[in-house]
Amino acid sequence: MDFDIQYLSFYVIQVEGKGENADKRYKLFQTLNQEEYENSPLKDFLDGEFTKIVKRKAEKHPKSEEVPTKIGYFIVEDGHDLSSNPNYNQFSRVRFAETKEAFQNESEKFAVSYVDTSAVRGGVFLVARAGLRKYFDEPFVFILKCDFEPKVASISDESTLIRHVEMAITTKNMKSIQYPYMPEEGMIEERELKINQSSHARYFEDFLKFVEYGESMPEIVKSQVLNIVQEHMDEAYAPESEERQQMEQAMELWAGSEKRELQEKFSTEQIVEAAAQIIDHTPEIPLKMKLDHVSVQALLSDYGENLHLAKVNNKYVLLIEADSVVFEKGFSPVELVKPDDIQIILNKISNKQ
């Protein structure tokens, strides 16, 4: 994919101090048209970066909250179209600016918004408009941010050895926003953009106040589980009963804990039925648990099929059915064992004091 850079505005962000008293400023260095960009050092610096951004994979419902690349959606109220969203309108004005001056004026509004974010850092802030004529007549907008790199030096000579480089930047951890999102070559989504920020400071999400992001898979599954619990309570308890209140309190504490112990509230049949609803939506959803110091990773679809949880002599027992047992890395004598009959193991557990 070869992008033609039609316009690019180059801003330098400087931050002095910390917290609410920080002095945050931006300065426009230049706005380049296509010919000026082709003859500028920026072309070599950014060579291949736009294609890399577009090809970077993203999921609408990522596997965790901490993924670096997300798909954002312009927030639109029912009965309204995209033009009701201020962020969409800003991208559109940059995208369809007819002159270099108009592009500069509109791109500067992004710089103003960025400087207002809570965790802004010094660096270079770029707003670019790029065409991809192979597929589209209408251009893309890219917003790029390179933080200043501390302690960067270049080799000088034999006497001084190194020379410190002030305000150094690199594309290595460059943050980016691409609009519109292109899920496949030749296909774009007008309502979606793609954002990439590898750092823990999520200020690119603060920066776009009218964009929301798809729920992660853990959030979706948690909501489904809580809905199933709610349905069970509606069927099993009277609305104002003491049993229901106790159950609601117990479930609220359970749902709010990072490390959750087994609740023992529902039968295996009820859990398998509930899990089937989640598996229909997401077949590959993982199941992770820890029994004392032993960690187990499986799929939710394994539970009740070839993974079983039981109690023997008031101890938890996890049974896993498998056609093979494979060991990796370090050797152990367990690799040579001839497995006991299951009844012998159960008797041994039952006879433990």
Protein backbone atom coordinates (compact mmCIF):
# COMPACT_ATOMS: atom_id res chain seq x y z
CA MET A 1 0.00 0.00 0.00
CA ASP A 2 1.52 3.27 -1.13
CA PHE A 3 0.12 6.40 0.48
CA ASP A 4 0.42 9.84 -1.07
CA ILE A 5 0.82 12.43 1.70
CA GLN A 6 -1.28 15.38 0.60
CA TYR A 7 -0.79 17.59 3.66
CA LEU A 8 1.08 17.25 6.94
CA SER A 9 1.27 19.61 9.94
CA PHE A 10 4.22 19.29 12.31
CA TYR A 11 3.75 20.45 15.93
CA VAL A 12 6.14 20.35 18.87
CA ILE A 13 4.56 19.77 22.29
CA GLN A 14 6.43 21.00 25.35
CA VAL A 15 5.47 20.32 28.96
CA GLU A 16 7.15 21.93 31.95
CA GLY A 17 6.20 20.98 35.49
CA LYS A 18 3.77 18.31 36.67
CA GLY A 19 0.14 17.93 37.66
CA GLU A 20 -2.38 20.74 37.48
CA ASN A 21 0.36 23.37 37.49
CA ALA A 22 2.13 21.98 34.42
CA ASP A 23 2.78 24.45 31.63
CA LYS A 24 1.65 22.72 28.43
CA ARG A 25 2.27 24.38 25.06
CA TYR A 26 2.36 23.49 21.39
CA LYS A 27 4.05 25.21 18.48
CA LEU A 28 3.41 24.73 14.79
CA PHE A 29 6.70 24.30 12.96
CA GLN A 30 5.44 23.73 9.42
CA THR A 31 2.56 22.55 7.29
CA LEU A 32 3.72 20.74 4.17
CA ASN A 33 1.91 20.05 0.92
CA GLN A 34 2.58 16.94 -1.14
CA GLU A 35 5.59 18.32 -3.03
CA GLU A 36 7.15 19.80 0.13
CA TYR A 37 6.68 16.52 1.98
CA GLU A 38 8.33 14.51 -0.82
CA ASN A 39 11.43 16.70 -0.53
CA SER A 40 11.55 16.81 3.27
CA PRO A 41 13.54 14.60 5.71
CA LEU A 42 10.19 13.58 7.22
CA LYS A 43 9.53 11.37 4.21
CA ASP A 44 12.45 9.08 5.09
CA PHE A 45 11.61 9.22 8.81
CA LEU A 46 8.00 8.15 8.25
CA ASP A 47 8.67 5.84 5.32
CA GLY A 48 6.51 2.73 5.67
CA GLU A 49 4.88 3.90 8.91
CA PHE A 50 1.47 4.69 7.36
CA THR A 51 1.26 1.24 5.78
CA LYS A 52 2.32 -0.33 9.09
CA ILE A 53 -0.44 1.56 10.93
CA VAL A 54 -3.13 0.48 8.46
CA LYS A 55 -2.03 -3.17 8.52
CA ARG A 56 -1.84 -3.36 12.32
CA LYS A 57 -4.47 -5.84 13.48
CA ALA A 58 -7.24 -4.86 15.87
CA GLU A 59 -10.26 -6.67 17.29
CA LYS A 60 -13.66 -5.15 17.93
CA HIS A 61 -13.78 -7.03 21.22
CA PRO A 62 -10.16 -7.48 22.37
CA LYS A 63 -9.07 -10.26 24.70
CA SER A 64 -8.13 -7.78 27.44
CA GLU A 65 -8.43 -4.11 28.38
CA GLU A 66 -4.70 -3.54 28.00
CA VAL A 67 -4.29 -4.28 24.29
CA PRO A 68 -2.36 -1.47 22.52
CA THR A 69 -4.56 -1.34 19.41
CA LYS A 70 -8.31 -0.72 19.58
CA ILE A 71 -11.18 0.13 17.28
CA GLY A 72 -13.10 3.25 18.27
CA TYR A 73 -16.67 4.21 17.36
CA PHE A 74 -18.07 7.72 17.08
CA ILE A 75 -20.82 8.05 19.68
CA VAL A 76 -24.17 8.76 18.02
CA GLU A 77 -27.49 9.06 19.85
CA ASP A 78 -30.54 7.26 18.50
CA GLY A 79 -32.20 9.22 15.71
CA HIS A 80 -29.04 11.18 14.85
CA ASP A 81 -26.39 10.69 12.17
CA LEU A 82 -22.61 10.93 12.33
CA SER A 83 -22.65 14.68 11.76
CA SER A 84 -23.94 15.06 15.34
CA ASN A 85 -20.57 13.88 16.68
CA PRO A 86 -17.94 16.65 17.22
CA ASN A 87 -14.96 14.29 16.78
CA TYR A 88 -16.34 12.95 13.50
CA ASN A 89 -16.89 16.51 12.25
CA GLN A 90 -13.31 17.45 13.14
CA PHE A 91 -11.87 14.48 11.25
CA SER A 92 -14.12 15.26 8.28
CA ARG A 93 -12.98 18.89 8.11
CA VAL A 94 -9.34 17.80 8.10
CA ARG A 95 -10.09 15.04 5.62
CA PHE A 96 -11.77 17.30 3.09
CA ALA A 97 -9.92 20.61 3.60
CA GLU A 98 -9.55 22.20 0.15
CA THR A 99 -6.38 24.22 0.76
CA LYS A 100 -3.17 23.98 2.74
CA GLU A 101 -4.30 26.87 4.94
CA ALA A 102 -7.66 25.22 5.66
CA PHE A 103 -5.93 21.95 6.53
CA GLN A 104 -3.55 23.76 8.88
CA ASN A 105 -6.37 25.59 10.65
CA GLU A 106 -8.35 22.40 11.21
CA SER A 107 -5.37 20.23 12.19
CA GLU A 108 -4.38 22.81 14.80
CA LYS A 109 -7.63 22.09 16.63
CA PHE A 110 -6.40 18.54 17.18
CA ALA A 111 -3.18 19.92 18.69
CA VAL A 112 -5.20 22.18 21.02
CA SER A 113 -7.34 19.22 22.17
CA TYR A 114 -4.30 17.05 22.66
CA VAL A 115 -2.52 19.58 24.89
CA ASP A 116 -5.61 19.63 27.12
CA THR A 117 -5.39 15.91 27.94
CA SER A 118 -4.52 14.89 31.48
CA ALA A 119 -1.29 12.96 30.84
CA VAL A 120 0.13 14.84 27.87
CA ARG A 121 3.88 14.41 27.28
CA GLY A 122 6.38 16.42 25.33
CA GLY A 123 7.13 15.32 21.81
CA VAL A 124 6.21 15.74 18.17
CA PHE A 125 2.54 15.75 17.15
CA LEU A 126 1.74 15.17 13.47
CA VAL A 127 -1.52 15.45 11.58
CA ALA A 128 -1.41 14.04 8.05
CA ARG A 129 -3.85 13.54 5.23
CA ALA A 130 -2.98 10.71 2.88
CA GLY A 131 -4.50 9.25 -0.25
CA LEU A 132 -4.62 5.58 -1.20
CA ARG A 133 -5.55 5.89 -4.86
CA LYS A 134 -5.42 2.16 -5.50
CA TYR A 135 -8.74 1.83 -3.66
CA PHE A 136 -10.28 5.19 -2.77
CA ASP A 137 -10.77 8.72 -4.04
CA GLU A 138 -11.34 9.99 -0.50
CA PRO A 139 -8.28 10.32 1.79
CA PHE A 140 -7.34 9.05 5.24
CA VAL A 141 -6.39 11.14 8.27
CA PHE A 142 -3.49 10.06 10.48
CA ILE A 143 -2.60 11.57 13.85
CA LEU A 144 0.85 10.55 15.09
CA LYS A 145 2.64 11.28 18.36
CA CYS A 146 6.33 10.63 19.07
CA ASP A 147 7.36 11.27 22.68
CA PHE A 148 10.76 12.84 23.31
CA GLU A 149 13.26 10.11 24.15
CA PRO A 150 15.42 10.69 27.28
CA LYS A 151 19.16 10.03 27.39
CA VAL A 152 19.75 9.79 23.65
CA ALA A 153 23.28 10.39 22.40
CA SER A 154 25.26 10.20 19.19
CA ILE A 155 28.92 9.27 18.83
CA SER A 156 31.07 12.43 18.61
CA ASP A 157 34.86 11.94 18.58
CA GLU A 158 37.67 10.23 20.48
CA SER A 159 37.95 12.95 23.12
CA THR A 160 34.31 13.59 24.05
CA LEU A 161 32.96 10.17 22.99
CA ILE A 162 29.27 11.12 22.80
CA ARG A 163 27.08 14.12 22.16
CA HIS A 164 23.70 14.38 23.88
CA VAL A 165 20.76 14.76 21.53
CA GLU A 166 18.00 17.04 22.81
CA MET A 167 14.34 16.53 21.80
CA ALA A 168 15.14 13.19 20.13
CA ILE A 169 12.25 11.22 18.63
CA THR A 170 11.79 7.76 17.17
CA THR A 171 8.97 5.85 15.50
CA LYS A 172 9.52 2.84 17.79
CA ASN A 173 6.73 3.61 20.29
CA MET A 174 4.82 6.05 18.13
CA LYS A 175 1.16 6.43 19.01
CA SER A 176 -1.29 6.71 16.14
CA ILE A 177 -4.89 7.28 15.13
CA GLN A 178 -6.14 6.26 11.71
CA TYR A 179 -9.46 7.42 10.27
CA PRO A 180 -11.38 5.85 8.67
CA TYR A 181 -10.67 2.30 9.82
CA MET A 182 -9.92 -0.17 7.01
CA PRO A 183 -10.72 -3.72 8.24
CA GLU A 184 -9.70 -5.17 4.86
CA GLU A 185 -7.96 -3.74 1.82
CA GLY A 186 -10.50 -1.84 -0.22
CA MET A 187 -13.08 -1.62 2.60
CA ILE A 188 -13.54 1.27 5.02
CA GLU A 189 -15.82 1.92 7.99
CA GLU A 190 -16.92 5.57 8.17
CA ARG A 191 -18.03 5.30 11.79
CA GLU A 192 -14.83 3.65 13.03
CA LEU A 193 -11.23 4.65 13.65
CA LYS A 194 -8.20 2.73 14.86
CA ILE A 195 -6.04 3.85 17.75
CA ASN A 196 -2.67 2.50 18.86
CA GLN A 197 -0.94 3.48 22.09
CA SER A 198 1.50 1.07 23.66
CA SER A 199 2.09 3.04 26.86
CA HIS A 200 0.02 2.70 30.04
CA ALA A 201 -0.99 6.38 29.88
CA ARG A 202 -4.24 6.16 27.91
CA TYR A 203 -4.33 9.84 27.03
CA PHE A 204 -5.14 9.20 23.38
CA GLU A 205 -8.49 7.93 24.65
CA ASP A 206 -8.95 11.14 26.69
CA PHE A 207 -8.09 13.12 23.61
CA LEU A 208 -11.16 11.90 21.67
CA LYS A 209 -14.00 12.59 24.09
CA PHE A 210 -16.81 11.48 21.75
CA VAL A 211 -15.37 8.11 20.78
CA GLU A 212 -16.14 4.85 22.56
CA TYR A 213 -14.41 1.49 22.33
CA GLY A 214 -15.84 -2.01 22.09
CA GLU A 215 -16.06 -4.00 25.31
CA SER A 216 -13.28 -6.51 25.85
CA MET A 217 -14.19 -10.20 25.84
CA PRO A 218 -13.76 -10.50 29.64
CA GLU A 219 -16.24 -7.63 30.11
CA ILE A 220 -18.74 -9.22 27.72
CA VAL A 221 -18.51 -12.60 29.42
CA LYS A 222 -18.84 -11.00 32.86
CA SER A 223 -22.04 -9.24 31.74
CA GLN A 224 -23.42 -12.50 30.35
CA VAL A 225 -22.65 -14.36 33.57
CA LEU A 226 -24.29 -11.65 35.69
CA ASN A 227 -27.37 -11.75 33.43
CA ILE A 228 -27.60 -15.51 33.92
CA VAL A 229 -27.34 -15.06 37.72
CA GLN A 230 -30.05 -12.38 37.57
CA GLU A 231 -32.37 -14.68 35.60
CA HIS A 232 -31.85 -17.45 38.14
CA MET A 233 -32.66 -15.13 41.06
CA ASP A 234 -35.82 -13.94 39.28
CA GLU A 235 -36.97 -17.55 38.94
CA ALA A 236 -35.84 -18.85 42.35
CA TYR A 237 -36.66 -16.04 44.80
CA ALA A 238 -39.53 -13.71 45.60
CA PRO A 239 -38.66 -10.06 44.73
CA GLU A 240 -38.26 -8.78 48.31
CA SER A 241 -37.32 -12.01 50.07
CA GLU A 242 -34.45 -12.21 52.55
CA GLU A 243 -32.90 -15.09 50.56
CA ARG A 244 -32.81 -12.95 47.43
CA GLN A 245 -31.20 -10.03 49.27
CA GLN A 246 -28.53 -12.35 50.70
CA MET A 247 -27.90 -13.83 47.25
CA GLU A 248 -27.63 -10.35 45.64
CA GLN A 249 -25.14 -9.21 48.30
CA ALA A 250 -23.04 -12.37 47.88
CA MET A 251 -23.01 -12.02 44.08
CA GLU A 252 -22.12 -8.33 44.29
CA LEU A 253 -19.08 -9.09 46.47
CA TRP A 254 -18.09 -11.96 44.19
CA ALA A 255 -18.40 -9.93 40.97
CA GLY A 256 -16.32 -7.07 42.37
CA SER A 257 -13.35 -9.22 43.42
CA GLU A 258 -10.26 -9.78 41.28
CA LYS A 259 -9.57 -13.20 42.84
CA ARG A 260 -12.84 -15.04 43.23
CA GLU A 261 -13.34 -18.28 45.14
CA LEU A 262 -15.72 -21.01 44.06
CA GLN A 263 -19.26 -19.99 45.10
CA GLU A 264 -21.03 -23.38 45.02
CA LYS A 265 -24.40 -21.79 44.17
CA PHE A 266 -25.55 -23.77 41.11
CA SER A 267 -25.56 -27.38 39.93
CA THR A 268 -23.24 -28.67 37.21
CA GLU A 269 -26.23 -28.97 34.84
CA GLN A 270 -27.19 -25.34 35.40
CA ILE A 271 -23.60 -24.18 34.80
CA VAL A 272 -23.22 -26.25 31.61
CA GLU A 273 -26.50 -24.78 30.32
CA ALA A 274 -25.39 -21.25 31.19
CA ALA A 275 -21.95 -21.80 29.63
CA ALA A 276 -23.59 -22.96 26.40
CA GLN A 277 -25.16 -19.49 25.96
CA ILE A 278 -21.72 -17.87 26.22
CA ILE A 279 -20.03 -20.47 23.99
CA ASP A 280 -22.62 -19.88 21.25
CA HIS A 281 -21.47 -16.25 21.15
CA THR A 282 -17.74 -16.93 21.60
CA PRO A 283 -16.68 -20.56 21.01
CA GLU A 284 -13.02 -20.05 21.95
CA ILE A 285 -13.61 -18.32 25.29
CA PRO A 286 -10.89 -19.41 27.78
CA LEU A 287 -11.43 -20.89 31.21
CA LYS A 288 -8.70 -20.28 33.80
CA MET A 289 -8.67 -21.40 37.41
CA LYS A 290 -6.21 -22.10 40.19
CA LEU A 291 -6.48 -24.96 42.66
CA ASP A 292 -4.13 -24.06 45.51
CA HIS A 293 -0.82 -23.51 43.65
CA VAL A 294 -1.82 -25.45 40.50
CA SER A 295 -2.96 -23.33 37.52
CA VAL A 296 -5.26 -24.76 34.84
CA GLN A 297 -5.99 -23.28 31.44
CA ALA A 298 -8.72 -24.71 29.27
CA LEU A 299 -11.71 -23.62 27.19
CA LEU A 300 -15.10 -22.96 28.72
CA SER A 301 -16.47 -25.54 26.27
CA ASP A 302 -14.32 -28.18 28.00
CA TYR A 303 -16.27 -27.87 31.24
CA GLY A 304 -18.77 -30.69 31.70
CA GLU A 305 -17.41 -32.42 28.59
CA ASN A 306 -13.84 -33.45 29.40
CA LEU A 307 -13.14 -31.27 32.44
CA HIS A 308 -15.05 -31.96 35.66
CA LEU A 309 -14.99 -30.36 39.09
CA ALA A 310 -15.99 -32.47 42.09
CA LYS A 311 -15.60 -32.77 45.86
CA VAL A 312 -14.23 -35.79 47.69
CA ASN A 313 -13.82 -35.80 51.47
CA ASN A 314 -14.44 -32.02 51.46
CA LYS A 315 -11.55 -31.51 49.01
CA TYR A 316 -11.87 -30.12 45.50
CA VAL A 317 -10.92 -32.51 42.72
CA LEU A 318 -10.47 -31.53 39.08
CA LEU A 319 -10.79 -34.38 36.59
CA ILE A 320 -9.50 -33.92 33.06
CA GLU A 321 -10.19 -36.45 30.31
CA ALA A 322 -7.53 -36.66 27.60
CA ASP A 323 -6.27 -39.02 24.91
CA SER A 324 -2.65 -38.04 25.54
CA VAL A 325 -0.40 -36.38 28.11
CA VAL A 326 2.52 -34.30 26.78
CA PHE A 327 5.39 -32.81 28.78
CA GLU A 328 7.45 -29.82 27.67
CA LYS A 329 10.81 -28.38 28.69
CA GLY A 330 12.09 -29.70 32.03
CA PHE A 331 12.22 -33.49 32.57
CA SER A 332 10.55 -35.22 35.52
CA PRO A 333 9.99 -38.82 36.64
CA VAL A 334 6.23 -38.26 36.30
CA GLU A 335 6.72 -38.69 32.56
CA LEU A 336 7.34 -42.41 33.20
CA VAL A 337 4.32 -43.12 35.41
CA LYS A 338 1.74 -45.78 34.69
CA PRO A 339 -1.50 -44.06 35.77
CA ASP A 340 -3.54 -45.57 38.60
CA ASP A 341 -7.14 -46.56 38.22
CA ILE A 342 -9.38 -43.59 39.07
CA GLN A 343 -11.08 -45.49 41.89
CA ILE A 344 -7.73 -45.99 43.65
CA ILE A 345 -7.13 -42.21 43.57
CA LEU A 346 -10.63 -41.44 44.85
CA ASN A 347 -10.23 -43.93 47.68
CA LYS A 348 -6.88 -42.39 48.59
CA ILE A 349 -8.47 -38.92 48.76
CA SER A 350 -11.43 -40.24 50.75
CA ASN A 351 -9.15 -41.86 53.29
CA LYS A 352 -7.09 -38.73 53.92
CA GLN A 353 -7.52 -37.32 57.43
